[in-house]
Protein backbone atom coordinates (compact mmCIF):
# COMPACT_ATOMS: atom_id res chain seq x y z
CA MET A 1 88.76 76.30 -52.93
CA ALA A 2 88.71 76.21 -56.53
CA ASP A 3 91.38 78.88 -57.83
CA LEU A 4 89.50 80.41 -60.67
CA THR A 5 92.08 83.11 -61.31
CA PRO A 6 93.42 82.76 -64.66
CA ILE A 7 97.00 81.37 -65.59
CA THR A 8 99.25 83.81 -67.16
CA SER A 9 101.89 81.47 -68.81
CA TRP A 10 101.77 77.66 -69.63
CA THR A 11 103.63 74.63 -70.62
CA LEU A 12 103.22 72.26 -73.62
CA ALA A 13 101.67 69.87 -71.23
CA ASP A 14 99.15 72.63 -70.37
CA VAL A 15 98.11 73.09 -73.91
CA GLN A 16 97.66 69.55 -74.53
CA HIS A 17 95.51 69.26 -71.37
CA LEU A 18 93.20 71.80 -72.97
CA GLY A 19 93.13 70.04 -76.29
CA ARG A 20 92.12 66.77 -74.61
CA ARG A 21 89.51 68.10 -72.09
CA ALA A 22 87.97 70.84 -74.29
CA GLY A 23 88.29 69.19 -77.71
CA PHE A 24 89.53 65.87 -79.03
CA GLY A 25 93.29 66.17 -78.67
CA LEU A 26 95.91 68.15 -80.39
CA ARG A 27 98.93 66.81 -82.41
CA PRO A 28 102.23 67.87 -80.95
CA GLU A 29 103.11 70.37 -83.69
CA GLU A 30 99.68 72.09 -83.12
CA ALA A 31 100.05 72.22 -79.39
CA THR A 32 103.57 73.85 -79.86
CA THR A 33 102.02 76.51 -82.02
CA TRP A 34 99.42 77.37 -79.43
CA GLN A 35 101.97 77.48 -76.58
CA SER A 36 103.63 80.15 -78.19
CA GLN A 37 100.66 82.39 -77.59
CA SER A 38 99.31 83.70 -74.25
CA PRO A 39 96.73 81.26 -72.43
CA SER A 40 94.15 84.09 -72.48
CA THR A 41 94.34 84.58 -76.19
CA VAL A 42 94.32 80.86 -76.94
CA VAL A 43 91.32 80.13 -74.69
CA ASP A 44 89.41 83.01 -76.21
CA ALA A 45 89.91 81.74 -79.61
CA TRP A 46 89.35 78.15 -78.64
CA VAL A 47 85.86 78.93 -77.26
CA ASP A 48 84.94 81.38 -79.88
CA GLY A 49 86.33 79.35 -82.85
CA ALA A 50 87.92 82.49 -84.14
CA GLY A 51 91.17 83.09 -85.81
CA ALA A 52 93.05 81.23 -88.92
CA ALA A 53 93.28 78.06 -87.15
CA PHE A 54 89.44 77.82 -87.13
CA ASP A 55 88.81 78.81 -90.75
CA PRO A 56 85.73 76.66 -91.64
CA ALA A 57 86.22 77.08 -95.48
CA ALA A 58 87.88 73.72 -96.12
CA PHE A 59 85.78 71.97 -93.58
CA ASN A 60 82.48 73.23 -95.08
CA THR A 61 83.45 72.26 -98.49
CA ALA A 62 84.34 68.66 -97.43
CA LEU A 63 81.09 68.67 -95.35
CA ASN A 64 79.23 69.23 -98.60
CA THR A 65 80.44 65.65 -99.51
CA ALA A 66 79.59 64.09 -96.26
CA ASP A 67 76.63 61.84 -95.41
CA VAL A 68 74.68 64.54 -93.91
CA VAL A 69 71.39 62.55 -93.42
CA THR A 70 69.17 65.32 -94.66
CA GLU A 71 65.79 64.66 -96.06
CA PRO A 72 64.42 64.42 -98.73
CA LEU A 73 67.13 62.15 -100.18
CA VAL A 74 69.61 63.58 -102.36
CA LYS A 75 68.34 62.27 -105.87
CA ALA A 76 66.87 59.34 -107.40
CA ASN A 77 68.58 56.74 -109.45
CA THR A 78 66.60 55.58 -112.57
CA THR A 79 69.33 53.61 -114.14
CA VAL A 80 67.91 50.15 -113.09
CA ALA A 81 64.95 49.05 -115.29
CA GLY A 82 61.87 48.25 -113.39
CA SER A 83 63.21 49.11 -110.13
CA VAL A 84 61.87 51.63 -107.45
CA ASP A 85 63.91 54.76 -107.62
CA VAL A 86 66.98 54.67 -105.15
CA PRO A 87 68.66 57.78 -104.15
CA GLU A 88 72.29 58.39 -104.71
CA VAL A 89 74.09 59.14 -101.65
CA PRO A 90 77.55 61.15 -101.72
CA GLY A 91 80.76 60.46 -99.76
CA PRO A 92 82.82 60.67 -97.84
CA HIS A 93 81.88 57.24 -96.76
CA PRO A 94 83.15 55.04 -99.59
CA PHE A 95 80.64 52.17 -99.33
CA LEU A 96 77.63 54.44 -99.60
CA THR A 97 77.35 54.35 -103.34
CA THR A 98 74.36 54.44 -105.84
CA GLY A 99 71.78 51.87 -105.05
CA GLN A 100 72.64 51.47 -101.42
CA GLN A 101 71.05 52.98 -98.21
CA ALA A 102 67.86 53.88 -99.98
CA TRP A 103 66.05 54.65 -96.69
CA ARG A 104 68.39 56.83 -94.60
CA ASN A 105 66.30 57.21 -91.64
CA ASN A 106 68.57 55.07 -89.35
CA LEU A 107 70.57 55.59 -86.34
CA ASN A 108 73.94 54.42 -87.25
CA THR A 109 74.24 56.78 -90.42
CA ALA A 110 73.37 59.68 -88.22
CA GLN A 111 76.02 58.55 -85.75
CA ALA A 112 78.55 58.28 -88.44
CA PHE A 113 77.84 61.90 -89.71
CA CYS A 114 78.24 63.42 -86.28
CA LEU A 115 81.63 61.31 -85.63
CA TRP A 116 82.90 62.50 -88.82
CA ARG A 117 82.26 66.26 -87.93
CA MET A 118 83.93 65.68 -84.47
CA GLN A 119 86.95 64.32 -86.17
CA PHE A 120 87.38 67.12 -88.86
CA ASN A 121 85.67 70.29 -87.56
CA PRO A 122 88.61 72.57 -86.91
CA PHE A 123 86.18 74.06 -84.13
CA ALA A 124 86.54 71.16 -81.96
CA PHE A 125 85.31 72.94 -78.73
CA GLN A 126 81.93 73.30 -80.38
CA GLU A 127 81.81 69.70 -80.92
CA ARG A 128 82.92 68.84 -77.59
CA MET A 129 80.46 71.04 -76.00
CA ALA A 130 77.60 69.48 -78.15
CA LEU A 131 78.72 65.99 -76.80
CA PHE A 132 78.48 67.44 -73.22
CA TRP A 133 75.00 68.80 -73.82
CA HIS A 134 73.78 65.66 -75.41
CA ASN A 135 74.56 63.70 -72.21
CA LEU A 136 72.46 66.31 -70.21
CA PHE A 137 69.75 66.83 -72.56
CA ALA A 138 69.71 63.12 -73.33
CA THR A 139 67.21 62.14 -76.27
CA GLY A 140 67.01 58.83 -77.86
CA TYR A 141 66.39 57.70 -81.27
CA HIS A 142 64.56 54.48 -80.27
CA LYS A 143 61.43 56.61 -79.29
CA VAL A 144 61.94 59.62 -81.76
CA ILE A 145 62.62 57.09 -84.66
CA ASN A 146 63.79 59.97 -86.86
CA ALA A 147 67.25 60.49 -87.82
CA ALA A 148 66.62 63.98 -89.25
CA LEU A 149 65.05 65.17 -86.08
CA MET A 150 67.89 63.81 -84.00
CA LEU A 151 70.36 65.51 -86.07
CA LYS A 152 68.40 68.75 -85.90
CA GLN A 153 68.63 68.52 -81.97
CA TYR A 154 72.29 67.91 -82.16
CA HIS A 155 72.70 70.92 -84.41
CA LEU A 156 70.83 72.97 -81.91
CA LEU A 157 73.22 71.74 -79.05
CA ARG A 158 76.14 72.53 -81.34
CA THR A 159 75.15 75.94 -82.50
CA MET A 160 73.99 77.12 -78.97
CA ALA A 161 76.78 75.46 -77.14
CA THR A 162 77.95 78.51 -75.36
CA ALA A 163 74.58 80.49 -75.30
CA LYS A 164 72.98 81.64 -71.86
CA PHE A 165 71.85 78.49 -70.21
CA ASP A 166 68.23 79.71 -70.00
CA ASP A 167 68.26 80.23 -73.77
CA LEU A 168 69.35 76.88 -74.31
CA LEU A 169 66.96 75.33 -71.89
CA VAL A 170 64.13 77.05 -73.60
CA ALA A 171 65.35 76.11 -77.27
CA VAL A 172 65.81 72.42 -76.22
CA SER A 173 62.13 72.53 -74.70
CA LYS A 174 60.87 73.60 -77.96
CA ASP A 175 62.84 71.09 -80.14
CA PRO A 176 60.73 68.50 -82.08
CA ALA A 177 62.92 65.44 -80.93
CA MET A 178 62.48 66.54 -77.28
CA CYS A 179 58.72 67.05 -77.61
CA ILE A 180 58.40 63.51 -78.84
CA TRP A 181 60.95 62.03 -76.46
CA LEU A 182 59.25 63.36 -73.19
CA ASP A 183 55.83 63.53 -74.40
CA SER A 184 55.26 67.35 -74.91
CA VAL A 185 53.08 66.42 -77.85
CA LEU A 186 50.78 64.80 -75.36
CA ASN A 187 50.56 67.71 -72.95
CA ASN A 188 47.03 68.90 -72.97
CA ALA A 189 46.00 71.21 -70.14
CA ALA A 190 43.08 73.00 -71.91
CA GLY A 191 39.85 73.36 -69.80
CA THR A 192 39.61 70.42 -67.51
CA SER A 193 42.28 68.16 -69.13
CA VAL A 194 44.87 66.81 -66.78
CA PRO A 195 48.37 67.86 -68.13
CA ASN A 196 51.28 65.26 -68.90
CA GLU A 197 53.95 66.02 -66.42
CA ASN A 198 56.77 63.98 -68.06
CA TYR A 199 58.76 66.76 -69.44
CA ALA A 200 57.98 69.29 -66.66
CA ARG A 201 59.59 66.76 -64.17
CA GLU A 202 62.56 66.15 -66.15
CA VAL A 203 63.29 69.72 -67.21
CA MET A 204 63.77 70.14 -63.32
CA GLU A 205 65.17 66.92 -62.18
CA LEU A 206 67.55 66.02 -65.03
CA TYR A 207 68.12 69.18 -66.81
CA SER A 208 68.27 72.04 -64.54
CA LEU A 209 68.10 71.53 -60.86
CA GLY A 210 68.78 67.94 -59.85
CA ALA A 211 66.51 65.40 -58.02
CA ASP A 212 64.47 67.02 -55.03
CA ASN A 213 66.42 70.10 -55.31
CA GLY A 214 64.23 73.46 -54.98
CA TYR A 215 60.92 72.10 -56.44
CA THR A 216 57.97 70.19 -55.28
CA GLN A 217 55.26 68.01 -56.99
CA ALA A 218 53.11 71.10 -57.04
CA ASP A 219 55.77 72.96 -59.09
CA ILE A 220 55.99 69.96 -61.56
CA THR A 221 52.13 70.17 -61.96
CA GLN A 222 52.22 73.88 -62.44
CA MET A 223 55.13 73.79 -64.83
CA ALA A 224 53.32 71.18 -66.96
CA ARG A 225 50.35 73.58 -67.05
CA ALA A 226 52.65 76.22 -68.26
CA LEU A 227 54.13 74.12 -71.05
CA SER A 228 51.03 72.50 -72.35
CA GLY A 229 50.41 72.67 -75.89
CA TRP A 230 54.17 72.98 -76.68
CA SER A 231 54.75 70.82 -79.79
CA PHE A 232 55.60 71.53 -83.56
CA THR A 233 54.01 71.60 -86.96
CA THR A 234 55.50 70.08 -90.08
CA ALA A 235 54.78 71.10 -93.63
CA ASP A 236 53.51 68.63 -96.12
CA ALA A 237 56.71 68.74 -98.10
CA ASP A 238 58.57 67.52 -95.14
CA ILE A 239 56.64 64.15 -94.91
CA ILE A 240 59.22 61.81 -96.45
CA VAL A 241 58.21 58.43 -97.89
CA ASN A 242 60.50 55.67 -97.99
CA PRO A 243 61.32 55.04 -101.62
CA THR A 244 61.38 51.26 -101.47
CA ASN A 245 58.44 50.90 -99.02
CA PRO A 246 55.88 53.61 -99.50
CA GLY A 247 54.04 52.50 -96.09
CA GLN A 248 57.02 54.02 -94.34
CA LYS A 249 57.12 57.66 -93.60
CA THR A 250 59.02 60.05 -91.59
CA ILE A 251 59.22 63.92 -91.06
CA ALA A 252 62.35 65.94 -91.99
CA ASP A 253 61.68 69.09 -90.00
CA GLY A 254 59.48 70.54 -87.35
CA ARG A 255 58.75 74.11 -86.44
CA PHE A 256 57.75 74.97 -82.76
CA LYS A 257 54.05 75.78 -81.94
CA VAL A 258 52.00 76.48 -78.79
CA TYR A 259 48.64 74.73 -79.50
CA ASP A 260 46.41 77.38 -78.16
CA GLY A 261 43.71 77.30 -80.88
CA SER A 262 45.38 79.97 -83.10
CA ALA A 263 45.45 79.40 -86.69
CA THR A 264 48.08 77.16 -88.53
CA ALA A 265 49.43 77.91 -91.97
CA PRO A 266 47.58 76.05 -94.59
CA ASP A 267 50.45 73.87 -95.82
CA THR A 268 51.33 72.63 -92.12
CA ALA A 269 49.40 70.60 -89.55
CA LEU A 270 49.69 70.01 -85.92
CA TRP A 271 51.87 67.17 -84.72
CA TYR A 272 50.22 65.36 -81.82
CA GLY A 273 50.89 61.78 -80.63
CA GLY A 274 52.93 60.85 -83.69
CA ALA A 275 50.64 61.82 -86.56
CA LYS A 276 49.50 64.82 -88.27
CA THR A 277 46.08 66.04 -86.74
CA THR A 278 43.67 68.88 -86.30
CA THR A 279 44.19 68.89 -82.44
CA PRO A 280 42.34 71.74 -80.93
CA ASN A 281 43.60 74.18 -78.17
CA MET A 282 45.86 72.24 -75.66
CA HIS A 283 47.37 75.19 -73.69
CA ALA A 284 46.33 76.18 -70.38
CA THR A 285 44.91 79.63 -69.49
CA GLY A 286 45.21 81.86 -66.41
CA THR A 287 47.78 81.75 -63.93
CA ILE A 288 49.91 79.22 -62.23
CA THR A 289 51.95 79.32 -58.92
CA LEU A 290 55.59 78.27 -59.44
CA PHE A 291 58.49 78.47 -57.06
CA GLY A 292 56.09 80.53 -54.84
CA GLN A 293 55.61 83.11 -57.55
CA THR A 294 52.66 83.87 -59.79
CA PHE A 295 53.05 83.47 -63.71
CA ASP A 296 50.47 84.43 -66.43
CA VAL A 297 50.82 81.50 -68.80
CA THR A 298 49.19 83.32 -71.58
CA THR A 299 51.53 86.25 -71.85
CA THR A 300 53.79 86.73 -74.89
CA ALA A 301 55.81 89.36 -73.48
CA ASN A 302 59.55 89.67 -74.61
CA GLY A 303 58.74 87.83 -77.76
CA TRP A 304 58.44 84.72 -75.63
CA ALA A 305 56.11 81.90 -76.30
CA LYS A 306 53.09 81.32 -74.00
CA GLY A 307 54.49 79.57 -70.69
CA GLU A 308 58.12 80.31 -71.67
CA ASN A 309 58.25 82.52 -68.61
CA ALA A 310 57.89 79.34 -66.47
CA ILE A 311 61.14 77.84 -67.80
CA ARG A 312 63.04 81.06 -67.67
CA ALA A 313 62.21 81.54 -63.87
CA ILE A 314 64.39 78.46 -63.13
CA THR A 315 67.76 80.32 -63.40
CA VAL A 316 66.08 83.22 -61.50
CA ALA A 317 63.95 81.90 -58.82
CA ARG A 318 66.45 78.88 -58.09
CA ALA A 319 69.67 80.34 -59.37
CA THR A 320 71.66 78.91 -56.49
CA GLN A 321 70.38 75.36 -57.17
CA CYS A 322 70.61 75.60 -60.96
CA SER A 323 74.11 76.91 -60.84
CA GLN A 324 75.26 74.21 -58.49
CA PHE A 325 73.56 71.59 -60.81
CA LEU A 326 75.56 72.85 -63.70
CA ALA A 327 78.76 73.21 -61.91
CA LYS A 328 78.78 69.43 -60.88
CA ARG A 329 78.15 68.47 -64.42
CA LEU A 330 80.81 70.72 -65.78
CA LEU A 331 83.29 69.69 -63.28
CA LEU A 332 82.60 65.98 -63.79
CA HIS A 333 83.16 66.31 -67.62
CA PHE A 334 85.91 68.94 -67.90
CA VAL A 335 87.98 69.05 -64.68
CA THR A 336 87.70 66.32 -61.90
CA PRO A 337 85.51 63.28 -60.87
CA SER A 338 85.85 64.12 -57.25
CA ALA A 339 85.27 67.85 -56.63
CA PRO A 340 84.50 68.80 -53.03
CA ASP A 341 81.59 70.87 -52.11
CA SER A 342 83.63 73.96 -51.66
CA ASP A 343 84.84 73.63 -55.17
CA VAL A 344 81.27 73.20 -56.60
CA ASN A 345 80.14 76.27 -54.70
CA ASP A 346 83.04 78.19 -56.11
CA VAL A 347 82.23 77.23 -59.72
CA ALA A 348 78.47 77.77 -58.97
CA LEU A 349 79.04 81.36 -57.89
CA MET A 350 81.01 82.02 -60.94
CA ILE A 351 78.24 80.82 -62.96
CA ARG A 352 75.73 83.08 -61.27
CA ASN A 353 78.14 86.00 -61.64
CA ALA A 354 78.23 85.39 -65.31
CA SER A 355 74.44 85.45 -65.54
CA PHE A 356 74.56 81.76 -66.71
CA ASP A 357 76.25 82.83 -69.92
CA MET A 358 78.18 79.57 -70.83
CA LYS A 359 80.77 81.43 -73.02
CA VAL A 360 81.80 83.38 -70.07
CA VAL A 361 81.72 80.47 -67.82
CA MET A 362 83.71 78.24 -70.01
CA LYS A 363 86.39 80.94 -70.82
CA THR A 364 86.69 81.52 -67.09
CA LEU A 365 86.91 77.65 -66.22
CA LEU A 366 89.35 76.84 -68.99
CA LYS A 367 91.68 79.81 -68.10
CA SER A 368 91.74 79.02 -64.52
CA ARG A 369 94.59 77.62 -62.37
CA TYR A 370 92.18 75.16 -61.05
CA PHE A 371 91.56 73.61 -64.53
CA TYR A 372 95.37 73.06 -65.01
CA GLN A 373 95.99 71.84 -61.52
CA ALA A 374 98.37 68.94 -61.52
CA SER A 375 96.05 66.84 -59.60
CA ASN A 376 93.35 67.24 -62.26
CA ARG A 377 95.68 66.01 -65.14
CA PHE A 378 94.52 62.54 -66.29
CA SER A 379 92.11 62.13 -63.55
CA LEU A 380 89.11 61.32 -65.73
CA ILE A 381 88.35 58.21 -67.75
CA GLU A 382 87.61 59.26 -71.12
CA GLY A 383 84.04 58.50 -72.80
CA PRO A 384 83.88 56.18 -75.62
CA VAL A 385 82.89 58.67 -78.38
CA SER A 386 85.37 61.04 -77.43
CA TRP A 387 88.28 58.34 -76.91
CA SER A 388 87.30 57.08 -80.48
CA VAL A 389 87.32 60.37 -82.11
CA ARG A 390 90.51 61.49 -80.38
CA GLY A 391 92.29 58.17 -81.77
CA ALA A 392 90.98 58.95 -85.16
CA ARG A 393 92.39 62.53 -85.12
CA MET A 394 95.75 61.48 -84.06
CA LEU A 395 96.20 58.48 -86.31
CA CYS A 396 94.34 59.22 -89.51
CA PRO A 397 95.12 62.08 -92.12
CA LEU A 398 94.28 65.60 -91.58
CA LEU A 399 91.40 67.26 -93.50
CA ALA A 400 93.37 68.43 -96.41
CA GLN A 401 95.23 65.22 -97.10
CA ALA A 402 91.86 63.00 -96.38
CA SER A 403 90.04 65.45 -98.83
CA SER A 404 92.55 64.90 -101.41
CA GLN A 405 92.10 61.21 -101.27
CA ASN A 406 88.30 61.41 -100.97
CA PRO A 407 86.75 59.05 -100.30
CA GLN A 408 89.46 56.58 -99.45
CA GLY A 409 91.17 59.18 -97.16
CA TYR A 410 88.23 59.40 -94.71
CA PRO A 411 87.47 57.03 -92.00
CA ALA A 412 84.62 54.59 -92.69
CA TRP A 413 82.67 55.77 -89.62
CA ARG A 414 79.37 54.42 -91.28
CA LEU A 415 80.96 51.03 -91.27
CA VAL A 416 82.31 51.47 -87.69
CA THR A 417 78.82 52.32 -86.26
CA TYR A 418 77.22 49.63 -88.66
CA TYR A 419 78.97 46.55 -87.34
CA GLY A 420 77.85 45.36 -84.05
CA THR A 421 76.39 48.63 -82.93
CA THR A 422 79.84 49.51 -82.01
CA LEU A 423 79.18 52.54 -79.76
CA ASP A 424 76.53 50.71 -77.93
CA LEU A 425 78.97 48.01 -77.21
CA LEU A 426 81.63 50.70 -75.97
CA GLY A 427 79.11 51.91 -73.56
CA MET A 428 77.53 55.04 -75.10
CA LYS A 429 74.99 54.52 -77.75
CA PHE A 430 75.34 57.89 -79.19
CA LEU A 431 71.89 59.64 -80.03
CA ASP A 432 70.10 56.86 -78.31
CA PRO A 433 70.48 56.71 -74.57
CA ASN A 434 68.42 54.12 -72.80
CA GLY A 435 66.56 57.03 -70.78
CA PRO A 436 66.46 60.76 -70.21
CA ASN A 437 69.16 60.65 -67.45
CA GLY A 438 71.84 59.97 -70.12
CA TRP A 439 75.04 58.09 -69.35
CA LYS A 440 77.07 57.97 -66.17
CA GLU A 441 80.65 59.18 -66.62
CA HIS A 442 84.30 58.38 -65.45
CA THR A 443 84.47 55.02 -63.89
CA ALA A 444 81.24 53.85 -65.39
CA TRP A 445 82.58 54.02 -68.67
CA LEU A 446 84.82 50.91 -68.23
CA THR A 447 83.47 47.28 -67.59
CA SER A 448 85.02 44.01 -68.61
CA SER A 449 82.66 44.11 -71.75
CA THR A 450 83.30 47.70 -72.83
CA MET A 451 86.95 47.38 -72.43
CA ARG A 452 86.95 44.44 -74.66
CA HIS A 453 85.32 46.27 -77.38
CA ARG A 454 87.67 49.25 -76.79
CA THR A 455 90.47 46.78 -77.51
CA LYS A 456 88.67 45.88 -80.84
CA LEU A 457 88.36 49.37 -81.83
CA ALA A 458 91.83 50.16 -80.85
CA ALA A 459 92.77 47.31 -83.39
CA ALA A 460 90.87 49.01 -86.10
CA LEU A 461 92.51 52.47 -85.27
CA ALA A 462 96.12 51.31 -85.08
CA LEU A 463 96.50 48.05 -87.13
CA GLN A 464 94.80 49.21 -90.33
CA GLU A 465 92.01 46.62 -90.11
CA ASN A 466 89.46 46.24 -92.96
CA ALA A 467 85.76 45.26 -93.10
CA ALA A 468 83.88 43.97 -95.73
CA TYR A 469 80.63 45.33 -96.98
CA ASN A 470 78.75 44.23 -100.03
CA ASN A 471 81.61 41.94 -101.11
CA THR A 472 84.04 44.93 -100.93
CA SER A 473 86.65 45.47 -98.30
CA TYR A 474 87.33 49.02 -96.78
CA ARG A 475 89.93 50.32 -94.38
CA LEU A 476 88.03 51.52 -91.29
CA PHE A 477 90.70 54.05 -90.36
CA PRO A 478 93.14 54.98 -93.11
CA GLY A 479 96.61 56.50 -92.23
CA THR A 480 100.20 55.79 -92.70
CA THR A 481 103.06 55.45 -90.23
CA THR A 482 104.89 58.27 -92.05
CA ASP A 483 102.23 60.59 -91.06
CA TRP A 484 102.65 59.48 -87.40
CA PHE A 485 106.52 59.98 -87.74
CA PRO A 486 107.45 63.13 -89.68
CA THR A 487 111.02 62.30 -88.81
CA ALA A 488 112.24 58.80 -88.98
CA PRO A 489 112.93 57.46 -85.58
CA ASP A 490 116.49 56.00 -84.73
CA SER A 491 115.68 53.83 -81.79
CA PRO A 492 112.69 51.92 -80.01
CA ALA A 493 112.64 54.67 -77.45
CA ALA A 494 112.08 57.43 -80.23
CA VAL A 495 109.18 55.37 -81.62
CA LEU A 496 107.55 55.26 -78.03
CA ASN A 497 108.14 58.86 -77.42
CA ARG A 498 106.49 60.01 -80.64
CA LEU A 499 103.56 57.61 -80.00
CA VAL A 500 103.15 58.97 -76.47
CA ALA A 501 103.32 62.52 -77.55
CA LEU A 502 100.54 61.75 -80.26
CA LEU A 503 98.22 59.50 -78.28
CA GLN A 504 98.72 61.20 -74.86
CA PRO A 505 97.97 58.48 -72.41
CA GLY A 506 98.30 59.04 -68.79
CA PRO A 507 101.75 58.20 -67.26
CA LEU A 508 102.97 54.86 -68.26
CA PRO A 509 105.27 52.96 -65.90
CA SER A 510 108.72 52.67 -67.37
CA SER A 511 108.65 48.83 -66.46
CA VAL A 512 105.73 48.35 -68.85
CA THR A 513 107.17 50.36 -71.65
CA ASN A 514 110.52 48.73 -71.39
CA SER A 515 108.85 45.36 -71.65
CA TRP A 516 107.00 46.41 -74.68
CA LEU A 517 110.05 47.67 -76.33
CA THR A 518 112.10 44.64 -75.47
CA ALA A 519 109.43 42.30 -76.85
CA LEU A 520 108.91 44.43 -80.09
CA TRP A 521 112.57 45.13 -80.76
CA PRO A 522 114.66 42.40 -79.22
CA SER A 523 117.77 43.09 -81.23
CA THR A 524 119.00 45.84 -83.62
CA PHE A 525 116.72 48.50 -84.68
CA THR A 526 116.12 49.57 -88.31
CA TRP A 527 113.32 51.95 -89.40
CA ASP A 528 111.87 49.56 -92.12
CA ALA A 529 108.62 48.17 -93.14
CA ALA A 530 108.90 45.50 -90.26
CA SER A 531 109.48 48.42 -87.68
CA GLN A 532 106.77 50.29 -88.83
CA ALA A 533 104.50 47.28 -88.45
CA LYS A 534 105.71 47.03 -84.94
CA ALA A 535 105.08 50.69 -84.35
CA ARG A 536 101.38 50.00 -85.07
CA GLU A 537 101.51 47.27 -82.47
CA LEU A 538 102.86 49.73 -80.12
CA ALA A 539 100.13 52.36 -80.78
CA PHE A 540 97.73 49.40 -80.14
CA LEU A 541 99.33 48.72 -76.79
CA ILE A 542 99.10 52.38 -75.70
CA LEU A 543 95.49 52.52 -76.77
CA CYS A 544 94.55 49.54 -74.80
CA SER A 545 96.53 50.27 -71.71
CA PRO A 546 94.89 51.54 -68.46
CA ALA A 547 96.76 54.90 -69.02
CA GLY A 548 95.28 55.00 -72.46
CA GLN A 549 91.72 55.35 -71.11
CA LEU A 550 92.63 58.49 -69.21
CA TYR A 551 92.64 62.21 -70.41
């Protein structure tokens, strides 16, 4: 049985567990501050993003200088005689200067922006939930081929992270990137046309119920009819031309539309099959039979789009299956890799009792005795994006300090994602999964290849590695050892204890740590430049250790 009753007191280790699983880690000083408050108060604030600790003002100010990858491009550079206008790109990524990255519709720039947000957003839980939903509603750039639409979808997952699940499911179904990714733009069921079933199948199999769990092939066909004509329009002003190659175009925005023959605004056009068109009515008429019930797919009751009632029926007509599906995904990401059926059923019942309100669900889960159970601590292997961001949050300057050193105080995420498609090599090509089933978690994150590249990234995080770009060298992850050690350590053991408190690996065998300390400091200890360099080597060893992959 999963004990979902709330804890009433907690330890520093409990707070750190919350920080790792429901965010991207907490520095020891932050965790100590949270421990002084009641668990219920902290979890409520953590999930709501409320209170002084989550004040977004400084973050939003810094975000204005981030490489946001919005379109149209920021502004043109006309300083080079006879050249095509090249936009000027703001920081914080120092290598993005005037004359570079003229065409910003690329994956690694979008990845870098999201990683920057994950590292510095004080509302870390919102970013963690967006990452969770991205793996569930997996959508890939290689088919969408549009950075702006990918970021638009990720922003949707971020802002609706704790909405009711049926509201989120509907919003994702209307999202432009998803419409392209799973062929909603091709779903024509008007008249005698045969609907495209791709999204209808996946919305049940991958996004809400699980394979062969409470639906039939007939339900897929009927759902496809209900969702036919679901796509988006785009304004002429949102068709962006590559300033260095006028033959390349992309769209910056999309607004949901059911193609049912109704009028379209003069400055917009339907988006069908990857191009603006005057596509006629594509939406089915009449009724469908879904989950044994009859639905009118032309009704707009409750302000819903035509056919929306079919998607919303999933959490009602198949509430048990949907709640079990969500429970399994939540437990694998936030709690344990091996939840027995009884625990899944307990969490699923809680989800149904919460009416699929994800804010209530997550508060209940993160306050529960089950979440803090000793056997669930360090029981999961951390995914590569979370692992990378957590390392950066612990070893790089905090936002205020980084902002004061802008742009050199910020990690060069754009360079990290640029060289060797780093995230792909780590096992999670963020914003570009191979297919709509996303990535497998836990042990699937680690292979001989991905572990080799984690080691390379660990070197960049801990050892102050630089990378060259345009004949200039940039520090990938800035930070000083004095930031890591507010008080100078007086022994090798003190160095280890502080780094363990900072990086929070799983339990490290004393035989291993003793051998590390002996190798690094074989004689007397002095906290000088040489010892500070060795402290970096020790941080690298912790990050590379088996325990360093757990969270």
